[in-house]
């Protein structure tokens, strides 16, 4: 997981570098992408076991438009982050990318590599999970069938 601190360091320590974003299937977002938003996303929720939880991330929205001559470099992105700094009280939060292919998807940045072509941001995948398997019995082998429909209070 790449944090906001790590992301900022990469773009600030590599001025005027080109950037590439590699999707989990190892294809690349077109090089004429725009970063149209830098946002702080706060998700407050209750898991299926009744525990209150909160997640915060930095979300970069990427758009590929028709202007194929556009090339965003690290120095300009660092400037955009200069405007967005007031959003972030902490810099240990994960950085994710929102990108539309067939549907809008979010990808955590899992690695940053310095290559001869510039910075390569490797995007990972997100998965759903039960956060209270001890209360629901999901994914826990059991002969007592603690799962949904048994008045456990979840699902």
C-alpha atoms as a PDB file:
ATOM      1  CA  UNK A   1       0.000   0.000   0.000  1.00  0.00           C
ATOM      2  CA  UNK A   2       1.391   3.367  -1.022  1.00  0.00           C
ATOM      3  CA  UNK A   3       0.648   6.156   1.440  1.00  0.00           C
ATOM      4  CA  UNK A   4       0.112   9.811   0.689  1.00  0.00           C
ATOM      5  CA  UNK A   5       3.533  10.564   2.175  1.00  0.00           C
ATOM      6  CA  UNK A   6       5.212   8.032  -0.153  1.00  0.00           C
ATOM      7  CA  UNK A   7       3.277   9.302  -3.179  1.00  0.00           C
ATOM      8  CA  UNK A   8       4.163  12.942  -2.524  1.00  0.00           C
ATOM      9  CA  UNK A   9       7.828  12.029  -2.010  1.00  0.00           C
ATOM     10  CA  UNK A  10       7.916  10.161  -5.333  1.00  0.00           C
ATOM     11  CA  UNK A  11       6.479  13.025  -7.359  1.00  0.00           C
ATOM     12  CA  UNK A  12       8.496  15.708  -5.532  1.00  0.00           C
ATOM     13  CA  UNK A  13      11.795  13.797  -5.771  1.00  0.00           C
ATOM     14  CA  UNK A  14      11.376  13.189  -9.504  1.00  0.00           C
ATOM     15  CA  UNK A  15      10.607  16.615 -10.989  1.00  0.00           C
ATOM     16  CA  UNK A  16       9.286  16.777 -14.539  1.00  0.00           C
ATOM     17  CA  UNK A  17       9.147  12.997 -14.787  1.00  0.00           C
ATOM     18  CA  UNK A  18       6.568  11.305 -16.963  1.00  0.00           C
ATOM     19  CA  UNK A  19       4.066   9.063 -15.196  1.00  0.00           C
ATOM     20  CA  UNK A  20       2.452   5.767 -16.131  1.00  0.00           C
ATOM     21  CA  UNK A  21      -0.346   3.916 -14.348  1.00  0.00           C
ATOM     22  CA  UNK A  22      -0.411   0.142 -14.787  1.00  0.00           C
ATOM     23  CA  UNK A  23      -3.743  -1.569 -14.127  1.00  0.00           C
ATOM     24  CA  UNK A  24      -3.940  -4.925 -12.303  1.00  0.00           C
ATOM     25  CA  UNK A  25      -4.214  -6.767 -15.650  1.00  0.00           C
ATOM     26  CA  UNK A  26      -0.843  -5.173 -16.597  1.00  0.00           C
ATOM     27  CA  UNK A  27      -2.384  -2.910 -19.237  1.00  0.00           C
ATOM     28  CA  UNK A  28      -1.703   0.817 -19.007  1.00  0.00           C
ATOM     29  CA  UNK A  29      -3.894   3.867 -18.702  1.00  0.00           C
ATOM     30  CA  UNK A  30      -3.359   5.962 -21.849  1.00  0.00           C
ATOM     31  CA  UNK A  31      -0.434   8.384 -21.397  1.00  0.00           C
ATOM     32  CA  UNK A  32      -2.605  11.432 -22.172  1.00  0.00           C
ATOM     33  CA  UNK A  33      -4.621  11.008 -18.958  1.00  0.00           C
ATOM     34  CA  UNK A  34      -5.790  13.899 -16.808  1.00  0.00           C
ATOM     35  CA  UNK A  35      -6.015  13.822 -13.023  1.00  0.00           C
ATOM     36  CA  UNK A  36      -9.290  15.676 -12.654  1.00  0.00           C
ATOM     37  CA  UNK A  37      -9.648  15.410  -8.867  1.00  0.00           C
ATOM     38  CA  UNK A  38      -7.514  14.893  -5.779  1.00  0.00           C
ATOM     39  CA  UNK A  39      -9.862  14.102  -2.943  1.00  0.00           C
ATOM     40  CA  UNK A  40     -10.049  12.899   0.619  1.00  0.00           C
ATOM     41  CA  UNK A  41     -12.590  10.131   0.945  1.00  0.00           C
ATOM     42  CA  UNK A  42     -13.910   9.303   4.409  1.00  0.00           C
ATOM     43  CA  UNK A  43     -16.013   6.159   4.764  1.00  0.00           C
ATOM     44  CA  UNK A  44     -17.786   5.681   8.100  1.00  0.00           C
ATOM     45  CA  UNK A  45     -19.674   2.429   8.432  1.00  0.00           C
ATOM     46  CA  UNK A  46     -20.955  -0.327  10.676  1.00  0.00           C
ATOM     47  CA  UNK A  47     -19.773  -3.828   9.818  1.00  0.00           C
ATOM     48  CA  UNK A  48     -22.115  -6.819   9.902  1.00  0.00           C
ATOM     49  CA  UNK A  49     -21.049  -7.559  13.474  1.00  0.00           C
ATOM     50  CA  UNK A  50     -22.099  -4.114  14.687  1.00  0.00           C
ATOM     51  CA  UNK A  51     -18.637  -2.534  15.002  1.00  0.00           C
ATOM     52  CA  UNK A  52     -18.251   1.103  13.921  1.00  0.00           C
ATOM     53  CA  UNK A  53     -15.366   1.609  11.511  1.00  0.00           C
ATOM     54  CA  UNK A  54     -13.814   4.422   9.490  1.00  0.00           C
ATOM     55  CA  UNK A  55     -11.513   4.421   6.478  1.00  0.00           C
ATOM     56  CA  UNK A  56      -9.838   7.451   4.946  1.00  0.00           C
ATOM     57  CA  UNK A  57      -7.985   7.575   1.648  1.00  0.00           C
ATOM     58  CA  UNK A  58      -6.634   9.982  -0.925  1.00  0.00           C
ATOM     59  CA  UNK A  59      -8.434   9.381  -4.206  1.00  0.00           C
ATOM     60  CA  UNK A  60      -7.074  10.492  -7.577  1.00  0.00           C
ATOM     61  CA  UNK A  61      -9.676  10.573 -10.327  1.00  0.00           C
ATOM     62  CA  UNK A  62      -8.169   9.820 -13.737  1.00  0.00           C
ATOM     63  CA  UNK A  63      -9.878  10.739 -16.991  1.00  0.00           C
ATOM     64  CA  UNK A  64      -8.643   9.934 -20.480  1.00  0.00           C
ATOM     65  CA  UNK A  65      -9.915  12.569 -22.902  1.00  0.00           C
ATOM     66  CA  UNK A  66      -9.549  13.104 -26.642  1.00  0.00           C
ATOM     67  CA  UNK A  67      -6.583  15.478 -26.389  1.00  0.00           C
ATOM     68  CA  UNK A  68      -3.879  12.933 -27.119  1.00  0.00           C
ATOM     69  CA  UNK A  69      -1.106  15.553 -26.915  1.00  0.00           C
ATOM     70  CA  UNK A  70      -1.732  16.049 -23.166  1.00  0.00           C
ATOM     71  CA  UNK A  71       0.996  14.703 -20.876  1.00  0.00           C
ATOM     72  CA  UNK A  72       0.837  15.361 -17.132  1.00  0.00           C
ATOM     73  CA  UNK A  73       4.235  15.349 -15.429  1.00  0.00           C
ATOM     74  CA  UNK A  74       5.184  15.103 -11.781  1.00  0.00           C
ATOM     75  CA  UNK A  75       5.898  18.826 -11.303  1.00  0.00           C
ATOM     76  CA  UNK A  76       2.390  19.823 -12.386  1.00  0.00           C
ATOM     77  CA  UNK A  77       0.860  17.050 -10.255  1.00  0.00           C
ATOM     78  CA  UNK A  78       2.878  18.277  -7.257  1.00  0.00           C
ATOM     79  CA  UNK A  79       1.329  21.704  -7.885  1.00  0.00           C
ATOM     80  CA  UNK A  80      -2.148  20.198  -7.882  1.00  0.00           C
ATOM     81  CA  UNK A  81      -1.319  18.517  -4.574  1.00  0.00           C
ATOM     82  CA  UNK A  82      -0.266  21.933  -3.273  1.00  0.00           C
ATOM     83  CA  UNK A  83      -3.886  23.035  -3.667  1.00  0.00           C
ATOM     84  CA  UNK A  84      -5.147  19.802  -2.065  1.00  0.00           C
ATOM     85  CA  UNK A  85      -2.829  19.791   0.971  1.00  0.00           C
ATOM     86  CA  UNK A  86      -5.457  21.499   3.126  1.00  0.00           C
ATOM     87  CA  UNK A  87      -7.677  18.415   2.746  1.00  0.00           C
ATOM     88  CA  UNK A  88      -5.239  16.069   4.454  1.00  0.00           C
ATOM     89  CA  UNK A  89      -4.473  16.219   8.162  1.00  0.00           C
ATOM     90  CA  UNK A  90      -2.576  12.927   7.986  1.00  0.00           C
ATOM     91  CA  UNK A  91      -0.233  11.631   5.322  1.00  0.00           C
ATOM     92  CA  UNK A  92      -0.221   7.967   6.326  1.00  0.00           C
ATOM     93  CA  UNK A  93      -3.443   7.254   4.426  1.00  0.00           C
ATOM     94  CA  UNK A  94      -3.518   5.075   1.306  1.00  0.00           C
ATOM     95  CA  UNK A  95      -3.628   6.558  -2.186  1.00  0.00           C
ATOM     96  CA  UNK A  96      -6.126   5.107  -4.640  1.00  0.00           C
ATOM     97  CA  UNK A  97      -7.013   5.778  -8.261  1.00  0.00           C
ATOM     98  CA  UNK A  98     -10.552   6.073  -9.601  1.00  0.00           C
ATOM     99  CA  UNK A  99     -10.692   5.173 -13.275  1.00  0.00           C
ATOM    100  CA  UNK A 100     -13.497   4.344 -15.676  1.00  0.00           C
ATOM    101  CA  UNK A 101     -13.271   1.454 -18.084  1.00  0.00           C
ATOM    102  CA  UNK A 102     -16.557  -0.427 -18.412  1.00  0.00           C
ATOM    103  CA  UNK A 103     -17.509   0.864 -14.966  1.00  0.00           C
ATOM    104  CA  UNK A 104     -15.926   3.255 -12.501  1.00  0.00           C
ATOM    105  CA  UNK A 105     -13.424   1.307 -10.401  1.00  0.00           C
ATOM    106  CA  UNK A 106     -11.068   2.148  -7.571  1.00  0.00           C
ATOM    107  CA  UNK A 107      -7.562   0.748  -7.449  1.00  0.00           C
ATOM    108  CA  UNK A 108      -5.094   1.092  -4.578  1.00  0.00           C
ATOM    109  CA  UNK A 109      -1.604   2.114  -5.633  1.00  0.00           C
ATOM    110  CA  UNK A 110       0.440  -0.903  -4.565  1.00  0.00           C
ATOM    111  CA  UNK A 111       3.903   0.133  -5.749  1.00  0.00           C
ATOM    112  CA  UNK A 112       5.883   2.967  -7.316  1.00  0.00           C
ATOM    113  CA  UNK A 113       8.816   2.160  -9.560  1.00  0.00           C
ATOM    114  CA  UNK A 114      11.367   4.579 -10.985  1.00  0.00           C
ATOM    115  CA  UNK A 115      11.987   3.529 -14.585  1.00  0.00           C
ATOM    116  CA  UNK A 116      13.934   5.055 -17.493  1.00  0.00           C
ATOM    117  CA  UNK A 117      10.555   6.301 -18.812  1.00  0.00           C
ATOM    118  CA  UNK A 118       9.606   8.008 -15.514  1.00  0.00           C
ATOM    119  CA  UNK A 119       7.466   6.933 -12.581  1.00  0.00           C
ATOM    120  CA  UNK A 120       5.400   3.786 -12.855  1.00  0.00           C
ATOM    121  CA  UNK A 121       2.442   3.549 -10.475  1.00  0.00           C
ATOM    122  CA  UNK A 122       1.376  -0.063 -10.110  1.00  0.00           C
ATOM    123  CA  UNK A 123      -2.323  -0.395  -9.328  1.00  0.00           C
ATOM    124  CA  UNK A 124      -3.650  -3.256  -7.249  1.00  0.00           C
ATOM    125  CA  UNK A 125      -7.120  -4.659  -6.716  1.00  0.00           C
ATOM    126  CA  UNK A 126      -9.676  -4.143  -3.982  1.00  0.00           C
ATOM    127  CA  UNK A 127     -11.781  -6.976  -2.619  1.00  0.00           C
ATOM    128  CA  UNK A 128     -14.817  -7.242  -0.408  1.00  0.00           C
ATOM    129  CA  UNK A 129     -14.524  -9.068   2.890  1.00  0.00           C
ATOM    130  CA  UNK A 130     -16.500  -9.821   6.010  1.00  0.00           C
ATOM    131  CA  UNK A 131     -14.921  -7.810   8.823  1.00  0.00           C
ATOM    132  CA  UNK A 132     -16.689  -9.734  11.598  1.00  0.00           C
ATOM    133  CA  UNK A 133     -16.231 -13.424  10.719  1.00  0.00           C
ATOM    134  CA  UNK A 134     -16.132 -14.319  14.423  1.00  0.00           C
ATOM    135  CA  UNK A 135     -19.689 -13.007  14.774  1.00  0.00           C
ATOM    136  CA  UNK A 136     -21.144 -14.201  11.470  1.00  0.00           C
ATOM    137  CA  UNK A 137     -19.211 -17.417  10.985  1.00  0.00           C
ATOM    138  CA  UNK A 138     -18.353 -16.498   7.392  1.00  0.00           C
ATOM    139  CA  UNK A 139     -15.140 -18.179   6.374  1.00  0.00           C
ATOM    140  CA  UNK A 140     -14.761 -19.951   9.710  1.00  0.00           C
ATOM    141  CA  UNK A 141     -15.129 -23.730   9.536  1.00  0.00           C
ATOM    142  CA  UNK A 142     -17.744 -24.719  12.049  1.00  0.00           C
ATOM    143  CA  UNK A 143     -20.187 -27.490  12.722  1.00  0.00           C
ATOM    144  CA  UNK A 144     -22.560 -25.157  14.552  1.00  0.00           C
ATOM    145  CA  UNK A 145     -23.554 -23.072  11.490  1.00  0.00           C
ATOM    146  CA  UNK A 146     -23.265 -19.684  13.222  1.00  0.00           C
ATOM    147  CA  UNK A 147     -24.043 -17.883   9.957  1.00  0.00           C
ATOM    148  CA  UNK A 148     -26.963 -15.819   8.779  1.00  0.00           C
ATOM    149  CA  UNK A 149     -30.468 -16.735   9.708  1.00  0.00           C
ATOM    150  CA  UNK A 150     -29.539 -18.090  13.134  1.00  0.00           C
ATOM    151  CA  UNK A 151     -30.311 -14.937  15.095  1.00  0.00           C
ATOM    152  CA  UNK A 152     -26.670 -13.887  15.343  1.00  0.00           C
ATOM    153  CA  UNK A 153     -27.567 -10.272  14.662  1.00  0.00           C
ATOM    154  CA  UNK A 154     -25.619  -9.985  11.445  1.00  0.00           C
ATOM    155  CA  UNK A 155     -26.395 -10.371   7.746  1.00  0.00           C
END
